């Protein structure tokens, strides 16, 4: 019998037994979950379906089927803890497709409008100040291209007013080439808009009451009138929270808007014998627009 080998085997067995006896139950390893980095890119895509296409108080189309797809991207290039909290570069496209286009001879007859926007927004806590450049084009050649620069303000008053927050905004747009109005004397003109959008939520449903008004100067409108429109609306938005969060925040909406349009919504009305000397006059009118759509925010 090999005594030396027996002694080594016994010693090894004793060490193994001691290890089992005193090691205790194995502790599960803690899984380290790294936080998801915050994205510097936000935006939304979607479409609106409207019964009338009215822009700046001018009726562009009120017949047939109208769908208006869009997409917006915001690239945050600065984030800080001081007065200036962030700066974003903004890019956006907007379209209007119409089924009704009498007399248009074009391979893109349905594509009434395409807009492109590029801008920068400075965010100061509750206040956002933006500047942008915008192109208005008609792929079906139903109007001449127009180019404008804009300046916008938006204020988040939810901390002060809570559920009664108005979320006021204002912007001015200066046409630098062509016109976005309907004046026929080749004036470029300027456009101004102010508005509020109070809203309240109940679970997935949000009800908002947008109110806005638009004005023009520099010959933007027919007859060089300054008043463009006043609009009051009701909009109900429902969040589709059954869609996984990794696919963005989906929502659908429907609503309607009442517009009191200034006498710039169409061609001049000829008074004939009713007018002084058979001249021209401009009358205001009412319009009701129904709309609905889908949006995906990310």
Protein backbone atom coordinates (compact mmCIF):
# COMPACT_ATOMS: atom_id res chain seq x y z
CA UNK A 1 0.00 0.00 0.00
CA UNK A 2 1.32 3.44 -1.01
CA UNK A 3 1.05 5.40 2.26
CA UNK A 4 2.13 8.69 0.65
CA UNK A 5 -0.63 8.64 -1.98
CA UNK A 6 -3.22 7.70 0.60
CA UNK A 7 -2.25 10.64 2.81
CA UNK A 8 -2.50 13.12 -0.09
CA UNK A 9 -5.91 11.77 -1.10
CA UNK A 10 -7.20 12.06 2.46
CA UNK A 11 -5.95 15.62 2.76
CA UNK A 12 -7.63 16.65 -0.49
CA UNK A 13 -10.89 15.07 0.60
CA UNK A 14 -10.77 16.90 3.93
CA UNK A 15 -10.20 20.24 2.18
CA UNK A 16 -13.12 19.61 -0.17
CA UNK A 17 -15.41 18.66 2.70
CA UNK A 18 -14.41 21.77 4.64
CA UNK A 19 -15.09 23.96 1.65
CA UNK A 20 -18.59 22.54 1.25
CA UNK A 21 -19.31 22.78 4.97
CA UNK A 22 -18.29 26.41 5.41
CA UNK A 23 -18.92 28.04 2.04
CA UNK A 24 -22.69 28.44 2.67
CA UNK A 25 -25.33 29.05 -0.04
CA UNK A 26 -24.12 30.83 -3.19
CA UNK A 27 -25.35 34.43 -3.41
CA UNK A 28 -27.01 35.40 -6.68
CA UNK A 29 -25.05 37.96 -8.68
CA UNK A 30 -26.69 41.38 -8.93
CA UNK A 31 -27.49 42.34 -12.51
CA UNK A 32 -26.23 45.79 -13.35
CA UNK A 33 -28.71 47.72 -15.48
CA UNK A 34 -27.21 50.68 -17.25
CA UNK A 35 -29.54 53.68 -17.65
CA UNK A 36 -30.78 54.30 -21.17
CA UNK A 37 -29.03 57.37 -22.55
CA UNK A 38 -31.32 60.32 -23.24
CA UNK A 39 -31.87 60.89 -26.93
CA UNK A 40 -30.84 64.24 -28.41
CA UNK A 41 -33.31 63.75 -31.27
CA UNK A 42 -37.07 64.15 -30.83
CA UNK A 43 -39.89 64.68 -33.26
CA UNK A 44 -43.21 63.50 -34.61
CA UNK A 45 -44.77 62.19 -37.79
CA UNK A 46 -48.43 61.95 -38.70
CA UNK A 47 -51.24 63.13 -40.92
CA UNK A 48 -54.38 65.26 -40.74
CA UNK A 49 -57.58 64.80 -42.76
CA UNK A 50 -59.56 68.02 -43.12
CA UNK A 51 -62.86 69.00 -44.71
CA UNK A 52 -61.51 72.44 -45.76
CA UNK A 53 -57.94 73.59 -46.24
CA UNK A 54 -57.70 77.10 -44.77
CA UNK A 55 -54.36 78.76 -44.17
CA UNK A 56 -53.79 82.29 -42.85
CA UNK A 57 -57.52 82.90 -43.26
CA UNK A 58 -57.52 82.08 -46.99
CA UNK A 59 -59.60 79.14 -48.25
CA UNK A 60 -57.35 77.04 -50.47
CA UNK A 61 -59.72 74.10 -51.06
CA UNK A 62 -63.12 73.09 -49.67
CA UNK A 63 -64.06 70.19 -51.95
CA UNK A 64 -63.01 66.56 -52.25
CA UNK A 65 -60.71 64.53 -50.00
CA UNK A 66 -57.80 66.38 -48.37
CA UNK A 67 -54.99 64.65 -46.44
CA UNK A 68 -51.99 66.49 -45.00
CA UNK A 69 -48.98 64.36 -43.92
CA UNK A 70 -46.10 65.91 -41.97
CA UNK A 71 -42.85 65.14 -40.17
CA UNK A 72 -40.78 67.17 -37.69
CA UNK A 73 -37.32 66.57 -36.23
CA UNK A 74 -35.62 68.45 -33.38
CA UNK A 75 -31.87 68.01 -32.79
CA UNK A 76 -30.73 69.22 -29.36
CA UNK A 77 -27.28 70.76 -29.78
CA UNK A 78 -26.99 72.32 -26.33
CA UNK A 79 -28.21 71.51 -22.81
CA UNK A 80 -27.46 73.63 -19.77
CA UNK A 81 -28.52 74.37 -16.20
CA UNK A 82 -28.56 78.14 -16.48
CA UNK A 83 -31.10 80.52 -17.93
CA UNK A 84 -30.69 78.93 -21.37
CA UNK A 85 -31.75 75.33 -20.82
CA UNK A 86 -31.39 73.99 -24.37
CA UNK A 87 -31.00 74.82 -28.04
CA UNK A 88 -32.48 72.74 -30.84
CA UNK A 89 -32.13 72.70 -34.61
CA UNK A 90 -35.55 72.11 -36.16
CA UNK A 91 -36.42 70.56 -39.52
CA UNK A 92 -39.92 69.93 -40.83
CA UNK A 93 -41.90 69.03 -43.92
CA UNK A 94 -45.63 69.44 -44.53
CA UNK A 95 -47.83 68.38 -47.47
CA UNK A 96 -51.39 68.75 -48.71
CA UNK A 97 -52.86 66.24 -51.18
CA UNK A 98 -56.23 67.01 -52.81
CA UNK A 99 -58.51 64.70 -54.77
CA UNK A 100 -60.30 67.69 -56.34
CA UNK A 101 -58.13 69.67 -58.76
CA UNK A 102 -60.18 70.85 -61.76
CA UNK A 103 -58.23 72.06 -64.77
CA UNK A 104 -54.81 70.94 -63.46
CA UNK A 105 -52.70 69.19 -66.10
CA UNK A 106 -49.84 67.64 -64.17
CA UNK A 107 -48.44 64.23 -63.29
CA UNK A 108 -48.57 65.41 -59.65
CA UNK A 109 -52.04 67.01 -59.86
CA UNK A 110 -53.05 65.71 -56.42
CA UNK A 111 -49.98 67.17 -54.70
CA UNK A 112 -51.23 70.68 -54.00
CA UNK A 113 -48.55 71.88 -51.56
CA UNK A 114 -45.17 70.99 -50.11
CA UNK A 115 -43.57 73.08 -47.34
CA UNK A 116 -40.05 72.82 -45.91
CA UNK A 117 -38.91 74.46 -42.67
CA UNK A 118 -35.47 74.84 -41.09
CA UNK A 119 -34.93 76.75 -37.86
CA UNK A 120 -33.40 77.09 -34.42
CA UNK A 121 -35.20 77.25 -31.04
CA UNK A 122 -33.74 78.67 -27.81
CA UNK A 123 -35.46 77.34 -24.66
CA UNK A 124 -35.34 79.47 -21.49
CA UNK A 125 -37.10 77.39 -18.82
CA UNK A 126 -40.74 78.25 -19.58
CA UNK A 127 -40.10 80.42 -22.66
CA UNK A 128 -39.19 79.20 -26.16
CA UNK A 129 -37.91 81.61 -28.82
CA UNK A 130 -37.55 80.38 -32.37
CA UNK A 131 -36.42 81.61 -35.77
CA UNK A 132 -36.96 79.76 -39.03
CA UNK A 133 -36.81 79.84 -42.81
CA UNK A 134 -39.71 78.31 -44.74
CA UNK A 135 -40.40 77.45 -48.36
CA UNK A 136 -43.92 77.08 -49.76
CA UNK A 137 -44.09 75.14 -53.03
CA UNK A 138 -46.77 73.55 -55.21
CA UNK A 139 -45.59 70.40 -57.03
CA UNK A 140 -48.72 70.65 -59.20
CA UNK A 141 -47.92 74.29 -60.07
CA UNK A 142 -51.16 75.67 -58.62
CA UNK A 143 -49.33 78.64 -57.08
CA UNK A 144 -45.88 80.22 -57.37
CA UNK A 145 -43.20 79.35 -54.84
CA UNK A 146 -42.91 81.62 -51.79
CA UNK A 147 -40.14 81.99 -49.23
CA UNK A 148 -40.43 83.47 -45.73
CA UNK A 149 -38.51 83.99 -42.51
CA UNK A 150 -40.33 83.62 -39.21
CA UNK A 151 -39.99 84.44 -35.53
CA UNK A 152 -41.95 82.58 -32.83
CA UNK A 153 -42.62 82.77 -29.08
CA UNK A 154 -44.23 80.12 -26.86
CA UNK A 155 -44.75 80.23 -23.09
CA UNK A 156 -45.48 77.32 -20.77
CA UNK A 157 -47.70 78.74 -18.02
CA UNK A 158 -48.70 75.35 -16.57
CA UNK A 159 -46.66 75.90 -13.38
CA UNK A 160 -48.52 79.14 -12.66
CA UNK A 161 -52.05 78.21 -13.77
CA UNK A 162 -52.06 74.43 -13.40
CA UNK A 163 -55.12 72.89 -15.02
CA UNK A 164 -56.13 76.32 -16.35
CA UNK A 165 -52.89 76.86 -18.30
CA UNK A 166 -53.38 78.64 -21.63
CA UNK A 167 -50.07 77.80 -23.36
CA UNK A 168 -49.97 81.10 -25.30
CA UNK A 169 -47.93 81.51 -28.47
CA UNK A 170 -47.27 84.10 -31.17
CA UNK A 171 -45.34 84.23 -34.40
CA UNK A 172 -44.60 86.59 -37.27
CA UNK A 173 -43.73 85.56 -40.81
CA UNK A 174 -42.13 87.94 -43.33
CA UNK A 175 -42.34 86.99 -46.99
CA UNK A 176 -39.00 87.62 -48.71
CA UNK A 177 -39.93 86.24 -52.14
CA UNK A 178 -43.40 85.53 -53.48
CA UNK A 179 -46.41 85.76 -51.18
CA UNK A 180 -48.40 83.43 -48.93
CA UNK A 181 -51.41 85.73 -49.09
CA UNK A 182 -53.91 86.19 -51.92
CA UNK A 183 -53.28 89.75 -53.02
CA UNK A 184 -52.95 90.05 -56.79
CA UNK A 185 -50.72 93.12 -56.90
CA UNK A 186 -47.52 91.10 -56.29
CA UNK A 187 -47.11 92.37 -52.73
CA UNK A 188 -45.12 90.04 -50.53
CA UNK A 189 -46.58 91.13 -47.19
CA UNK A 190 -46.23 90.00 -43.59
CA UNK A 191 -48.34 87.63 -41.49
CA UNK A 192 -48.90 87.61 -37.69
CA UNK A 193 -50.66 85.06 -35.50
CA UNK A 194 -51.46 84.78 -31.79
CA UNK A 195 -53.21 81.97 -29.96
CA UNK A 196 -53.84 79.90 -26.85
CA UNK A 197 -54.59 76.20 -26.38
CA UNK A 198 -55.99 75.35 -22.91
CA UNK A 199 -56.33 71.61 -22.34
CA UNK A 200 -57.31 69.07 -19.70
CA UNK A 201 -56.72 65.31 -19.52
CA UNK A 202 -58.79 62.41 -18.20
CA UNK A 203 -56.69 59.27 -18.42
CA UNK A 204 -55.85 58.66 -22.06
CA UNK A 205 -58.18 61.41 -23.30
CA UNK A 206 -57.15 65.06 -23.65
CA UNK A 207 -59.61 67.79 -24.56
CA UNK A 208 -58.23 71.09 -25.85
CA UNK A 209 -59.89 74.37 -26.89
CA UNK A 210 -57.58 76.15 -29.34
CA UNK A 211 -58.28 79.81 -30.04
CA UNK A 212 -56.21 81.82 -32.52
CA UNK A 213 -56.28 84.89 -34.73
CA UNK A 214 -54.29 85.93 -37.80
CA UNK A 215 -53.51 89.33 -39.31
CA UNK A 216 -51.63 90.67 -42.32
CA UNK A 217 -49.82 93.80 -43.42
CA UNK A 218 -47.90 95.08 -46.41
CA UNK A 219 -50.55 94.01 -48.90
CA UNK A 220 -50.71 90.37 -47.84
CA UNK A 221 -54.52 90.23 -48.26
CA UNK A 222 -56.95 91.39 -50.90
CA UNK A 223 -57.81 95.06 -50.51
CA UNK A 224 -54.82 95.43 -48.15
CA UNK A 225 -57.04 94.45 -45.22
CA UNK A 226 -55.29 93.70 -41.95
CA UNK A 227 -57.77 91.24 -40.45
CA UNK A 228 -57.26 87.64 -41.52
CA UNK A 229 -59.35 85.42 -39.26
CA UNK A 230 -60.42 84.42 -35.77
CA UNK A 231 -60.69 80.70 -35.04
CA UNK A 232 -62.20 78.74 -32.14
CA UNK A 233 -61.99 74.96 -31.96
CA UNK A 234 -62.57 71.79 -29.94
CA UNK A 235 -60.08 68.92 -30.21
CA UNK A 236 -60.15 65.52 -28.52
CA UNK A 237 -56.93 63.47 -28.48
CA UNK A 238 -56.75 59.82 -27.36
CA UNK A 239 -53.39 58.21 -26.48
CA UNK A 240 -52.94 54.69 -27.85
CA UNK A 241 -51.03 53.33 -24.88
CA UNK A 242 -51.48 49.74 -26.06
CA UNK A 243 -48.70 50.45 -28.57
CA UNK A 244 -45.27 49.51 -27.10
CA UNK A 245 -43.32 52.54 -25.86
CA UNK A 246 -40.32 51.54 -28.01
CA UNK A 247 -42.43 52.45 -31.07
CA UNK A 248 -43.10 55.99 -29.86
CA UNK A 249 -46.16 57.68 -28.39
CA UNK A 250 -49.15 57.10 -30.68
CA UNK A 251 -52.34 59.15 -30.55
CA UNK A 252 -55.42 59.84 -32.65
CA UNK A 253 -57.59 62.95 -32.62
CA UNK A 254 -60.75 64.46 -34.01
CA UNK A 255 -62.23 67.93 -33.76
CA UNK A 256 -63.68 70.93 -35.48
CA UNK A 257 -62.86 74.62 -35.85
CA UNK A 258 -65.08 77.62 -36.45
CA UNK A 259 -63.49 80.43 -38.46
CA UNK A 260 -64.60 83.99 -38.94
CA UNK A 261 -62.68 84.87 -42.09
CA UNK A 262 -61.87 88.38 -43.15
CA UNK A 263 -62.79 89.52 -46.62
CA UNK A 264 -59.66 87.89 -47.99
CA UNK A 265 -60.91 84.33 -48.27
CA UNK A 266 -61.49 84.55 -52.02
CA UNK A 267 -61.75 86.88 -55.02
CA UNK A 268 -63.20 90.34 -54.64
CA UNK A 269 -67.00 90.43 -54.79
CA UNK A 270 -68.32 92.95 -57.29
CA UNK A 271 -71.12 95.07 -55.87
CA UNK A 272 -72.58 96.06 -59.24
CA UNK A 273 -75.44 98.49 -58.88
CA UNK A 274 -75.60 97.82 -55.14
CA UNK A 275 -72.18 99.33 -54.54
CA UNK A 276 -71.34 102.97 -54.65
CA UNK A 277 -70.52 103.62 -58.28
CA UNK A 278 -70.48 99.89 -59.05
CA UNK A 279 -67.18 99.50 -57.15
CA UNK A 280 -65.79 96.52 -55.23
CA UNK A 281 -66.36 95.50 -51.68
CA UNK A 282 -65.08 92.71 -49.45
CA UNK A 283 -67.29 90.70 -47.11
CA UNK A 284 -66.40 88.53 -44.13
CA UNK A 285 -67.63 84.94 -44.01
CA UNK A 286 -67.95 81.95 -41.68
CA UNK A 287 -66.39 78.50 -42.19
CA UNK A 288 -66.57 75.28 -40.19
CA UNK A 289 -63.71 72.78 -40.62
CA UNK A 290 -63.83 69.17 -39.40
CA UNK A 291 -60.57 67.29 -38.93
CA UNK A 292 -59.02 64.10 -37.62
CA UNK A 293 -55.68 62.37 -37.74
CA UNK A 294 -52.91 60.28 -36.23
CA UNK A 295 -49.56 61.26 -34.70
CA UNK A 296 -46.50 59.35 -33.54
CA UNK A 297 -44.17 61.28 -31.21
CA UNK A 298 -40.70 60.13 -30.17
